[in-house]
Structures are given as C-alpha cells and as structure tokens.
Amino acid sequence: MTINTEKKLPDCFGILDIVFPKGKDNLRHSPESCLECTLKTECLKKAMQGEGGVKIKEESLERAYQSGVIGFFERWSKKKYLTNKMKQIK
C-alpha cells in the first residue's frame, strides 16, 4: 500500500505571469495573495525554471544595458548564453 503524500497544488502554481507579473512600473512583483501562500517559495522556483526564468533574466539584462551597468559586449555574450539556454529548454 502506498501513501500519497503529494500536496494538492493550486491551478496558479508555477505560472510566471500569475505569481510574478509585471507591475505598472514594468518591474515584476508577487501579488499579495501569493506572498501569503505557504507554497510561495516552491511556486516561484517552479516559475523561474524553464522559459519563464530565461525571460526574466533577459528583462534584467536589458535593464542593466539601458542603465549603463553593462556594456555592449557583455550584453551580447549573456544574450547568446540565454538564447542557447532557451534552445536547450525547448
């Protein structure tokens, strides 16, 4: 006899645009309801895996480039890495 210890996950679990959407300031924020959830850490980790995590890293990279924190070649190199990572995921 096996015992099912798996938690019942909500429908929103790990969906990036629900648990970490862009706000009015064009930055990503977790909604208040997500911050109160007991599964928030696992949920955000799941959302950051795969295409969603690469998407967020690309957004961060673009902000860093536009603000002058990184230069053209560093941006190019990191974008190439992220593109290859996205290909591996798909």
C-alpha atoms as a PDB file:
ATOM      1  CA  MET A   1       0.000   0.000   0.000  1.00  0.00           C
ATOM      2  CA  THR A   2       1.386   3.428  -0.979  1.00  0.00           C
ATOM      3  CA  ILE A   3       0.514   6.633   0.765  1.00  0.00           C
ATOM      4  CA  ASN A   4       0.048   9.711  -1.389  1.00  0.00           C
ATOM      5  CA  THR A   5       1.956  12.495   0.377  1.00  0.00           C
ATOM      6  CA  GLU A   6       1.886  14.819  -2.632  1.00  0.00           C
ATOM      7  CA  LYS A   7       0.320  18.215  -1.936  1.00  0.00           C
ATOM      8  CA  LYS A   8      -2.676  19.414  -3.924  1.00  0.00           C
ATOM      9  CA  LEU A   9      -1.276  22.346  -5.872  1.00  0.00           C
ATOM     10  CA  PRO A  10      -3.369  25.379  -6.813  1.00  0.00           C
ATOM     11  CA  ASP A  11      -4.054  25.992 -10.515  1.00  0.00           C
ATOM     12  CA  CYS A  12      -1.775  29.052 -10.492  1.00  0.00           C
ATOM     13  CA  PHE A  13       1.232  27.090  -9.182  1.00  0.00           C
ATOM     14  CA  GLY A  14       4.389  27.944 -11.122  1.00  0.00           C
ATOM     15  CA  ILE A  15       2.709  30.136 -13.761  1.00  0.00           C
ATOM     16  CA  LEU A  16       5.052  33.086 -14.115  1.00  0.00           C
ATOM     17  CA  ASP A  17       2.563  35.703 -15.313  1.00  0.00           C
ATOM     18  CA  ILE A  18       0.253  34.942 -12.377  1.00  0.00           C
ATOM     19  CA  VAL A  19       2.702  34.513  -9.498  1.00  0.00           C
ATOM     20  CA  PHE A  20       5.264  37.113 -10.639  1.00  0.00           C
ATOM     21  CA  PRO A  21       3.512  39.539 -13.044  1.00  0.00           C
ATOM     22  CA  LYS A  22       4.819  42.849 -14.311  1.00  0.00           C
ATOM     23  CA  GLY A  23       3.519  45.821 -12.382  1.00  0.00           C
ATOM     24  CA  LYS A  24       2.678  49.320 -13.531  1.00  0.00           C
ATOM     25  CA  ASP A  25       6.351  50.241 -13.132  1.00  0.00           C
ATOM     26  CA  ASN A  26       7.262  47.499 -15.665  1.00  0.00           C
ATOM     27  CA  LEU A  27       9.005  45.502 -12.933  1.00  0.00           C
ATOM     28  CA  ARG A  28       7.851  42.134 -11.627  1.00  0.00           C
ATOM     29  CA  HIS A  29       6.140  41.852  -8.233  1.00  0.00           C
ATOM     30  CA  SER A  30       4.432  38.986  -6.448  1.00  0.00           C
ATOM     31  CA  PRO A  31       0.767  39.682  -5.663  1.00  0.00           C
ATOM     32  CA  GLU A  32      -0.251  39.930  -2.012  1.00  0.00           C
ATOM     33  CA  SER A  33      -2.197  36.668  -2.272  1.00  0.00           C
ATOM     34  CA  CYS A  34       0.967  34.866  -3.393  1.00  0.00           C
ATOM     35  CA  LEU A  35       3.019  36.298  -0.549  1.00  0.00           C
ATOM     36  CA  GLU A  36       0.518  34.870   1.938  1.00  0.00           C
ATOM     37  CA  CYS A  37       0.587  31.401   0.347  1.00  0.00           C
ATOM     38  CA  THR A  38       2.508  28.640   2.119  1.00  0.00           C
ATOM     39  CA  LEU A  39       3.774  27.325  -1.240  1.00  0.00           C
ATOM     40  CA  LYS A  40       5.248  30.654  -2.410  1.00  0.00           C
ATOM     41  CA  THR A  41       8.911  29.568  -2.405  1.00  0.00           C
ATOM     42  CA  GLU A  42       8.339  26.321  -4.299  1.00  0.00           C
ATOM     43  CA  CYS A  43       5.930  28.095  -6.645  1.00  0.00           C
ATOM     44  CA  LEU A  44       8.386  30.862  -7.564  1.00  0.00           C
ATOM     45  CA  LYS A  45      11.174  28.320  -8.039  1.00  0.00           C
ATOM     46  CA  LYS A  46       8.954  26.389 -10.426  1.00  0.00           C
ATOM     47  CA  ALA A  47       8.006  29.584 -12.267  1.00  0.00           C
ATOM     48  CA  MET A  48      11.685  30.507 -12.664  1.00  0.00           C
ATOM     49  CA  GLN A  49      12.582  27.157 -14.196  1.00  0.00           C
ATOM     50  CA  GLY A  50      12.430  26.864 -17.932  1.00  0.00           C
ATOM     51  CA  GLU A  51      11.355  29.588 -20.325  1.00  0.00           C
ATOM     52  CA  GLY A  52       9.974  31.889 -17.633  1.00  0.00           C
ATOM     53  CA  GLY A  53      13.283  32.166 -15.818  1.00  0.00           C
ATOM     54  CA  VAL A  54      15.154  32.863 -19.034  1.00  0.00           C
ATOM     55  CA  LYS A  55      12.590  35.529 -19.905  1.00  0.00           C
ATOM     56  CA  ILE A  56      13.139  37.280 -16.575  1.00  0.00           C
ATOM     57  CA  LYS A  57      16.922  37.123 -16.960  1.00  0.00           C
ATOM     58  CA  GLU A  58      16.607  38.691 -20.419  1.00  0.00           C
ATOM     59  CA  GLU A  59      14.475  41.512 -18.973  1.00  0.00           C
ATOM     60  CA  SER A  60      17.050  42.126 -16.254  1.00  0.00           C
ATOM     61  CA  LEU A  61      19.866  42.094 -18.793  1.00  0.00           C
ATOM     62  CA  GLU A  62      18.106  44.713 -20.932  1.00  0.00           C
ATOM     63  CA  ARG A  63      17.556  46.978 -17.908  1.00  0.00           C
ATOM     64  CA  ALA A  64      21.229  46.681 -16.964  1.00  0.00           C
ATOM     65  CA  TYR A  65      22.317  47.559 -20.501  1.00  0.00           C
ATOM     66  CA  GLN A  66      19.925  50.510 -20.795  1.00  0.00           C
ATOM     67  CA  SER A  67      21.086  51.935 -17.474  1.00  0.00           C
ATOM     68  CA  GLY A  68      24.748  51.599 -18.448  1.00  0.00           C
ATOM     69  CA  VAL A  69      25.647  48.978 -15.837  1.00  0.00           C
ATOM     70  CA  ILE A  70      26.937  46.597 -18.523  1.00  0.00           C
ATOM     71  CA  GLY A  71      28.417  47.251 -21.929  1.00  0.00           C
ATOM     72  CA  PHE A  72      27.570  46.024 -25.405  1.00  0.00           C
ATOM     73  CA  PHE A  73      29.884  43.004 -25.470  1.00  0.00           C
ATOM     74  CA  GLU A  74      28.845  41.751 -22.042  1.00  0.00           C
ATOM     75  CA  ARG A  75      25.193  42.107 -23.056  1.00  0.00           C
ATOM     76  CA  TRP A  76      25.842  40.314 -26.340  1.00  0.00           C
ATOM     77  CA  SER A  77      27.641  37.466 -24.598  1.00  0.00           C
ATOM     78  CA  LYS A  78      24.918  36.994 -21.984  1.00  0.00           C
ATOM     79  CA  LYS A  79      22.144  37.196 -24.585  1.00  0.00           C
ATOM     80  CA  LYS A  80      23.898  34.498 -26.605  1.00  0.00           C
ATOM     81  CA  TYR A  81      24.103  32.310 -23.490  1.00  0.00           C
ATOM     82  CA  LEU A  82      20.406  32.861 -22.701  1.00  0.00           C
ATOM     83  CA  THR A  83      19.406  32.111 -26.307  1.00  0.00           C
ATOM     84  CA  ASN A  84      21.301  28.817 -26.172  1.00  0.00           C
ATOM     85  CA  LYS A  85      19.729  28.001 -22.819  1.00  0.00           C
ATOM     86  CA  MET A  86      16.255  28.660 -24.265  1.00  0.00           C
ATOM     87  CA  LYS A  87      17.016  26.294 -27.170  1.00  0.00           C
ATOM     88  CA  GLN A  88      18.009  23.568 -24.698  1.00  0.00           C
ATOM     89  CA  ILE A  89      14.755  24.008 -22.789  1.00  0.00           C
ATOM     90  CA  LYS A  90      12.608  23.710 -25.901  1.00  0.00           C
END
